Amino acid sequence: MNIDKAVLVFAGAVVVTGVTLSVLVSPYWLLLPALAGLNMFQAGITGFCPAAIIFRRIGLERGAAFAGRDARPLA
């Protein structure tokens, strides 16, 4: 698995978890997928993704989204 796939899996898991908890526990859990969406929006504009940095530090390889970045590591 590369960083791109890991970020997508993580974001999807956050959204599904937030929606599920909003149905089962409280509608306030909808804030979780909303924050995930805002983070994806800002990452798309700025290129800064905290999850990608964490996944790089744990040893995942860069995917296509990070292939065009500069040569220095994210860690």
PDB file of N, CA and C in Angstrom:
ATOM      1  N   MET A   1       0.857  -1.176   0.000  1.00  0.00           N
ATOM      2  CA  MET A   1       0.000   0.000   0.000  1.00  0.00           C
ATOM      3  C   MET A   1       0.898   1.233   0.000  1.00  0.00           C
ATOM      4  N   ASN A   2       0.500   2.246  -0.790  1.00  0.00           N
ATOM      5  CA  ASN A   2       1.267   3.485  -0.794  1.00  0.00           C
ATOM      6  C   ASN A   2       0.501   4.566  -0.024  1.00  0.00           C
ATOM      7  N   ILE A   3       1.120   5.740   0.082  1.00  0.00           N
ATOM      8  CA  ILE A   3       0.536   6.823   0.871  1.00  0.00           C
ATOM      9  C   ILE A   3      -0.811   7.251   0.312  1.00  0.00           C
ATOM     10  N   ASP A   4      -0.917   7.337  -1.009  1.00  0.00           N
ATOM     11  CA  ASP A   4      -2.174   7.773  -1.628  1.00  0.00           C
ATOM     12  C   ASP A   4      -3.336   6.883  -1.214  1.00  0.00           C
ATOM     13  N   LYS A   5      -3.143   5.583  -1.331  1.00  0.00           N
ATOM     14  CA  LYS A   5      -4.200   4.640  -0.979  1.00  0.00           C
ATOM     15  C   LYS A   5      -4.501   4.687   0.517  1.00  0.00           C
ATOM     16  N   ALA A   6      -3.461   4.813   1.333  1.00  0.00           N
ATOM     17  CA  ALA A   6      -3.654   4.861   2.777  1.00  0.00           C
ATOM     18  C   ALA A   6      -4.461   6.090   3.183  1.00  0.00           C
ATOM     19  N   VAL A   7      -4.185   7.234   2.561  1.00  0.00           N
ATOM     20  CA  VAL A   7      -4.931   8.455   2.879  1.00  0.00           C
ATOM     21  C   VAL A   7      -6.394   8.294   2.469  1.00  0.00           C
ATOM     22  N   LEU A   8      -6.644   7.712   1.310  1.00  0.00           N
ATOM     23  CA  LEU A   8      -8.022   7.497   0.875  1.00  0.00           C
ATOM     24  C   LEU A   8      -8.770   6.530   1.792  1.00  0.00           C
ATOM     25  N   VAL A   9      -8.107   5.451   2.192  1.00  0.00           N
ATOM     26  CA  VAL A   9      -8.727   4.483   3.105  1.00  0.00           C
ATOM     27  C   VAL A   9      -9.018   5.138   4.453  1.00  0.00           C
ATOM     28  N   PHE A  10      -8.070   5.910   4.965  1.00  0.00           N
ATOM     29  CA  PHE A  10      -8.246   6.578   6.248  1.00  0.00           C
ATOM     30  C   PHE A  10      -9.394   7.591   6.192  1.00  0.00           C
ATOM     31  N   ALA A  11      -9.424   8.408   5.140  1.00  0.00           N
ATOM     32  CA  ALA A  11     -10.493   9.408   5.003  1.00  0.00           C
ATOM     33  C   ALA A  11     -11.853   8.725   4.884  1.00  0.00           C
ATOM     34  N   GLY A  12     -11.915   7.661   4.108  1.00  0.00           N
ATOM     35  CA  GLY A  12     -13.173   6.925   3.979  1.00  0.00           C
ATOM     36  C   GLY A  12     -13.626   6.329   5.302  1.00  0.00           C
ATOM     37  N   ALA A  13     -12.686   5.790   6.046  1.00  0.00           N
ATOM     38  CA  ALA A  13     -13.015   5.207   7.350  1.00  0.00           C
ATOM     39  C   ALA A  13     -13.524   6.268   8.319  1.00  0.00           C
ATOM     40  N   VAL A  14     -12.923   7.455   8.282  1.00  0.00           N
ATOM     41  CA  VAL A  14     -13.372   8.552   9.152  1.00  0.00           C
ATOM     42  C   VAL A  14     -14.794   8.961   8.789  1.00  0.00           C
ATOM     43  N   VAL A  15     -15.083   9.076   7.508  1.00  0.00           N
ATOM     44  CA  VAL A  15     -16.423   9.471   7.067  1.00  0.00           C
ATOM     45  C   VAL A  15     -17.460   8.418   7.454  1.00  0.00           C
ATOM     46  N   VAL A  16     -17.182   7.152   7.167  1.00  0.00           N
ATOM     47  CA  VAL A  16     -18.135   6.084   7.500  1.00  0.00           C
ATOM     48  C   VAL A  16     -18.333   5.988   9.013  1.00  0.00           C
ATOM     49  N   THR A  17     -17.263   6.110   9.769  1.00  0.00           N
ATOM     50  CA  THR A  17     -17.368   6.068  11.231  1.00  0.00           C
ATOM     51  C   THR A  17     -18.218   7.219  11.753  1.00  0.00           C
ATOM     52  N   GLY A  18     -17.979   8.427  11.250  1.00  0.00           N
ATOM     53  CA  GLY A  18     -18.742   9.592  11.696  1.00  0.00           C
ATOM     54  C   GLY A  18     -20.222   9.474  11.377  1.00  0.00           C
ATOM     55  N   VAL A  19     -20.536   9.027  10.169  1.00  0.00           N
ATOM     56  CA  VAL A  19     -21.943   8.879   9.784  1.00  0.00           C
ATOM     57  C   VAL A  19     -22.614   7.782  10.609  1.00  0.00           C
ATOM     58  N   THR A  20     -21.929   6.674  10.804  1.00  0.00           N
ATOM     59  CA  THR A  20     -22.487   5.578  11.604  1.00  0.00           C
ATOM     60  C   THR A  20     -22.738   6.025  13.038  1.00  0.00           C
ATOM     61  N   LEU A  21     -21.765   6.702  13.630  1.00  0.00           N
ATOM     62  CA  LEU A  21     -21.943   7.178  15.006  1.00  0.00           C
ATOM     63  C   LEU A  21     -23.044   8.236  15.103  1.00  0.00           C
ATOM     64  N   SER A  22     -23.230   9.020  14.043  1.00  0.00           N
ATOM     65  CA  SER A  22     -24.303  10.021  14.076  1.00  0.00           C
ATOM     66  C   SER A  22     -25.680   9.355  14.080  1.00  0.00           C
ATOM     67  N   VAL A  23     -25.795   8.207  13.419  1.00  0.00           N
ATOM     68  CA  VAL A  23     -27.066   7.481  13.398  1.00  0.00           C
ATOM     69  C   VAL A  23     -27.288   6.754  14.717  1.00  0.00           C
ATOM     70  N   LEU A  24     -26.226   6.148  15.253  1.00  0.00           N
ATOM     71  CA  LEU A  24     -26.366   5.309  16.443  1.00  0.00           C
ATOM     72  C   LEU A  24     -26.270   6.062  17.765  1.00  0.00           C
ATOM     73  N   VAL A  25     -25.508   7.165  17.792  1.00  0.00           N
ATOM     74  CA  VAL A  25     -25.232   7.827  19.066  1.00  0.00           C
ATOM     75  C   VAL A  25     -25.805   9.238  19.119  1.00  0.00           C
ATOM     76  N   SER A  26     -25.305  10.112  18.257  1.00  0.00           N
ATOM     77  CA  SER A  26     -25.705  11.512  18.307  1.00  0.00           C
ATOM     78  C   SER A  26     -25.421  12.179  16.973  1.00  0.00           C
ATOM     79  N   PRO A  27     -26.282  13.091  16.546  1.00  0.00           N
ATOM     80  CA  PRO A  27     -26.027  13.788  15.282  1.00  0.00           C
ATOM     81  C   PRO A  27     -24.779  14.674  15.321  1.00  0.00           C
ATOM     82  N   TYR A  28     -24.283  14.958  16.499  1.00  0.00           N
ATOM     83  CA  TYR A  28     -23.056  15.762  16.602  1.00  0.00           C
ATOM     84  C   TYR A  28     -21.849  15.056  15.986  1.00  0.00           C
ATOM     85  N   TRP A  29     -21.935  13.730  15.828  1.00  0.00           N
ATOM     86  CA  TRP A  29     -20.839  12.990  15.190  1.00  0.00           C
ATOM     87  C   TRP A  29     -20.688  13.345  13.716  1.00  0.00           C
ATOM     88  N   LEU A  30     -21.673  14.035  13.133  1.00  0.00           N
ATOM     89  CA  LEU A  30     -21.540  14.482  11.746  1.00  0.00           C
ATOM     90  C   LEU A  30     -20.439  15.534  11.600  1.00  0.00           C
ATOM     91  N   LEU A  31     -20.001  16.087  12.715  1.00  0.00           N
ATOM     92  CA  LEU A  31     -18.864  17.012  12.667  1.00  0.00           C
ATOM     93  C   LEU A  31     -17.591  16.306  12.220  1.00  0.00           C
ATOM     94  N   LEU A  32     -17.469  15.025  12.533  1.00  0.00           N
ATOM     95  CA  LEU A  32     -16.271  14.266  12.158  1.00  0.00           C
ATOM     96  C   LEU A  32     -16.105  14.167  10.640  1.00  0.00           C
ATOM     97  N   PRO A  33     -17.112  13.705   9.891  1.00  0.00           N
ATOM     98  CA  PRO A  33     -16.941  13.696   8.435  1.00  0.00           C
ATOM     99  C   PRO A  33     -16.846  15.099   7.839  1.00  0.00           C
ATOM    100  N   ALA A  34     -17.492  16.074   8.474  1.00  0.00           N
ATOM    101  CA  ALA A  34     -17.376  17.451   7.984  1.00  0.00           C
ATOM    102  C   ALA A  34     -15.937  17.946   8.106  1.00  0.00           C
ATOM    103  N   LEU A  35     -15.305  17.653   9.221  1.00  0.00           N
ATOM    104  CA  LEU A  35     -13.901  18.048   9.404  1.00  0.00           C
ATOM    105  C   LEU A  35     -12.984  17.290   8.459  1.00  0.00           C
ATOM    106  N   ALA A  36     -13.295  16.020   8.217  1.00  0.00           N
ATOM    107  CA  ALA A  36     -12.505  15.248   7.253  1.00  0.00           C
ATOM    108  C   ALA A  36     -12.625  15.864   5.863  1.00  0.00           C
ATOM    109  N   GLY A  37     -13.833  16.264   5.485  1.00  0.00           N
ATOM    110  CA  GLY A  37     -14.040  16.907   4.192  1.00  0.00           C
ATOM    111  C   GLY A  37     -13.300  18.230   4.078  1.00  0.00           C
ATOM    112  N   LEU A  38     -13.328  19.031   5.141  1.00  0.00           N
ATOM    113  CA  LEU A  38     -12.585  20.291   5.134  1.00  0.00           C
ATOM    114  C   LEU A  38     -11.085  20.048   5.013  1.00  0.00           C
ATOM    115  N   ASN A  39     -10.594  19.019   5.683  1.00  0.00           N
ATOM    116  CA  ASN A  39      -9.173  18.697   5.601  1.00  0.00           C
ATOM    117  C   ASN A  39      -8.800  18.259   4.190  1.00  0.00           C
ATOM    118  N   MET A  40      -9.656  17.451   3.555  1.00  0.00           N
ATOM    119  CA  MET A  40      -9.378  17.032   2.172  1.00  0.00           C
ATOM    120  C   MET A  40      -9.394  18.227   1.232  1.00  0.00           C
ATOM    121  N   PHE A  41     -10.308  19.169   1.462  1.00  0.00           N
ATOM    122  CA  PHE A  41     -10.380  20.375   0.643  1.00  0.00           C
ATOM    123  C   PHE A  41      -9.103  21.198   0.759  1.00  0.00           C
ATOM    124  N   GLN A  42      -8.670  21.461   2.000  1.00  0.00           N
ATOM    125  CA  GLN A  42      -7.465  22.264   2.178  1.00  0.00           C
ATOM    126  C   GLN A  42      -6.230  21.531   1.684  1.00  0.00           C
ATOM    127  N   ALA A  43      -6.191  20.203   1.817  1.00  0.00           N
ATOM    128  CA  ALA A  43      -5.045  19.437   1.319  1.00  0.00           C
ATOM    129  C   ALA A  43      -4.973  19.496  -0.202  1.00  0.00           C
ATOM    130  N   GLY A  44      -6.125  19.514  -0.845  1.00  0.00           N
ATOM    131  CA  GLY A  44      -6.147  19.623  -2.294  1.00  0.00           C
ATOM    132  C   GLY A  44      -5.639  20.966  -2.781  1.00  0.00           C
ATOM    133  N   ILE A  45      -5.890  22.005  -2.002  1.00  0.00           N
ATOM    134  CA  ILE A  45      -5.450  23.352  -2.392  1.00  0.00           C
ATOM    135  C   ILE A  45      -4.000  23.601  -2.001  1.00  0.00           C
ATOM    136  N   THR A  46      -3.636  23.249  -0.776  1.00  0.00           N
ATOM    137  CA  THR A  46      -2.301  23.593  -0.269  1.00  0.00           C
ATOM    138  C   THR A  46      -1.266  22.505  -0.478  1.00  0.00           C
ATOM    139  N   GLY A  47      -1.701  21.253  -0.621  1.00  0.00           N
ATOM    140  CA  GLY A  47      -0.757  20.138  -0.737  1.00  0.00           C
ATOM    141  C   GLY A  47      -0.258  19.633   0.607  1.00  0.00           C
ATOM    142  N   PHE A  48      -0.736  20.217   1.707  1.00  0.00           N
ATOM    143  CA  PHE A  48      -0.332  19.796   3.051  1.00  0.00           C
ATOM    144  C   PHE A  48      -1.359  18.819   3.600  1.00  0.00           C
ATOM    145  N   CYS A  49      -0.915  17.598   3.885  1.00  0.00           N
ATOM    146  CA  CYS A  49      -1.809  16.570   4.424  1.00  0.00           C
ATOM    147  C   CYS A  49      -1.143  15.910   5.627  1.00  0.00           C
ATOM    148  N   PRO A  50      -1.637  16.188   6.835  1.00  0.00           N
ATOM    149  CA  PRO A  50      -1.046  15.581   8.029  1.00  0.00           C
ATOM    150  C   PRO A  50      -1.046  14.053   7.989  1.00  0.00           C
ATOM    151  N   ALA A  51      -2.098  13.453   7.452  1.00  0.00           N
ATOM    152  CA  ALA A  51      -2.151  11.982   7.379  1.00  0.00           C
ATOM    153  C   ALA A  51      -1.041  11.453   6.480  1.00  0.00           C
ATOM    154  N   ALA A  52      -0.775  12.132   5.371  1.00  0.00           N
ATOM    155  CA  ALA A  52       0.295  11.696   4.466  1.00  0.00           C
ATOM    156  C   ALA A  52       1.648  11.759   5.155  1.00  0.00           C
ATOM    157  N   ILE A  53       1.854  12.784   5.961  1.00  0.00           N
ATOM    158  CA  ILE A  53       3.115  12.906   6.702  1.00  0.00           C
ATOM    159  C   ILE A  53       3.270  11.745   7.676  1.00  0.00           C
ATOM    160  N   ILE A  54       2.195  11.423   8.374  1.00  0.00           N
ATOM    161  CA  ILE A  54       2.241  10.314   9.338  1.00  0.00           C
ATOM    162  C   ILE A  54       2.491   8.994   8.627  1.00  0.00           C
ATOM    163  N   PHE A  55       1.791   8.758   7.518  1.00  0.00           N
ATOM    164  CA  PHE A  55       1.982   7.507   6.780  1.00  0.00           C
ATOM    165  C   PHE A  55       3.399   7.406   6.214  1.00  0.00           C
ATOM    166  N   ARG A  56       3.976   8.513   5.808  1.00  0.00           N
ATOM    167  CA  ARG A  56       5.360   8.497   5.306  1.00  0.00           C
ATOM    168  C   ARG A  56       6.329   8.143   6.441  1.00  0.00           C
ATOM    169  N   ARG A  57       6.079   8.686   7.617  1.00  0.00           N
ATOM    170  CA  ARG A  57       6.950   8.412   8.767  1.00  0.00           C
ATOM    171  C   ARG A  57       6.891   6.961   9.220  1.00  0.00           C
ATOM    172  N   ILE A  58       5.751   6.303   8.988  1.00  0.00           N
ATOM    173  CA  ILE A  58       5.679   4.893   9.377  1.00  0.00           C
ATOM    174  C   ILE A  58       6.187   3.975   8.277  1.00  0.00           C
ATOM    175  N   GLY A  59       6.635   4.570   7.165  1.00  0.00           N
ATOM    176  CA  GLY A  59       7.341   3.778   6.181  1.00  0.00           C
ATOM    177  C   GLY A  59       6.624   3.463   4.879  1.00  0.00           C
ATOM    178  N   LEU A  60       5.452   4.034   4.646  1.00  0.00           N
ATOM    179  CA  LEU A  60       4.775   3.772   3.380  1.00  0.00           C
ATOM    180  C   LEU A  60       5.472   4.527   2.237  1.00  0.00           C
ATOM    181  N   GLU A  61       5.413   3.952   1.065  1.00  0.00           N
ATOM    182  CA  GLU A  61       6.038   4.586  -0.097  1.00  0.00           C
ATOM    183  C   GLU A  61       5.100   5.612  -0.708  1.00  0.00           C
ATOM    184  N   ARG A  62       5.697   6.581  -1.393  1.00  0.00           N
ATOM    185  CA  ARG A  62       4.905   7.614  -2.049  1.00  0.00           C
ATOM    186  C   ARG A  62       4.130   7.032  -3.214  1.00  0.00           C
ATOM    187  N   GLY A  63       2.966   7.579  -3.453  1.00  0.00           N
ATOM    188  CA  GLY A  63       2.170   7.182  -4.598  1.00  0.00           C
ATOM    189  C   GLY A  63       2.235   8.259  -5.666  1.00  0.00           C
ATOM    190  N   ALA A  64       1.339   8.185  -6.619  1.00  0.00           N
ATOM    191  CA  ALA A  64       1.336   9.121  -7.739  1.00  0.00           C
ATOM    192  C   ALA A  64       1.101  10.565  -7.294  1.00  0.00           C
ATOM    193  N   ALA A  65       0.308  10.779  -6.274  1.00  0.00           N
ATOM    194  CA  ALA A  65       0.029  12.141  -5.819  1.00  0.00           C
ATOM    195  C   ALA A  65       1.271  12.823  -5.265  1.00  0.00           C
ATOM    196  N   PHE A  66       2.208  12.047  -4.774  1.00  0.00           N
ATOM    197  CA  PHE A  66       3.418  12.620  -4.198  1.00  0.00           C
ATOM    198  C   PHE A  66       4.635  12.444  -5.093  1.00  0.00           C
ATOM    199  N   ALA A  67       4.465  11.834  -6.245  1.00  0.00           N
ATOM    200  CA  ALA A  67       5.592  11.579  -7.143  1.00  0.00           C
ATOM    201  C   ALA A  67       6.151  12.874  -7.701  1.00  0.00           C
ATOM    202  N   GLY A  68       5.326  13.882  -7.915  1.00  0.00           N
ATOM    203  CA  GLY A  68       5.788  15.146  -8.488  1.00  0.00           C
ATOM    204  C   GLY A  68       6.338  16.119  -7.472  1.00  0.00           C
ATOM    205  N   ARG A  69       6.303  15.774  -6.230  1.00  0.00           N
ATOM    206  CA  ARG A  69       6.806  16.656  -5.181  1.00  0.00           C
ATOM    207  C   ARG A  69       8.316  16.732  -5.219  1.00  0.00           C
ATOM    208  N   ASP A  70       8.854  17.653  -4.426  1.00  0.00           N
ATOM    209  CA  ASP A  70      10.311  17.778  -4.378  1.00  0.00           C
ATOM    210  C   ASP A  70      10.944  16.510  -3.814  1.00  0.00           C
ATOM    211  N   ALA A  71      12.241  16.394  -3.953  1.00  0.00           N
ATOM    212  CA  ALA A  71      12.928  15.146  -3.621  1.00  0.00           C
ATOM    213  C   ALA A  71      13.103  14.913  -2.136  1.00  0.00           C
ATOM    214  N   ARG A  72      12.945  15.931  -1.311  1.00  0.00           N
ATOM    215  CA  ARG A  72      13.179  15.731   0.127  1.00  0.00           C
ATOM    216  C   ARG A  72      12.042  14.921   0.745  1.00  0.00           C
ATOM    217  N   PRO A  73      12.351  14.113   1.737  1.00  0.00           N
ATOM    218  CA  PRO A  73      11.313  13.265   2.365  1.00  0.00           C
ATOM    219  C   PRO A  73      10.350  14.104   3.183  1.00  0.00           C
ATOM    220  N   LEU A  74       9.148  13.593   3.386  1.00  0.00           N
ATOM    221  CA  LEU A  74       8.151  14.291   4.181  1.00  0.00           C
ATOM    222  C   LEU A  74       8.442  14.227   5.670  1.00  0.00           C
ATOM    223  N   ALA A  75       9.273  13.308   6.093  1.00  0.00           N
ATOM    224  CA  ALA A  75       9.558  13.127   7.515  1.00  0.00           C
ATOM    225  C   ALA A  75      10.422  14.223   8.059  1.00  0.00           C
TER     226      ALA A  75
END
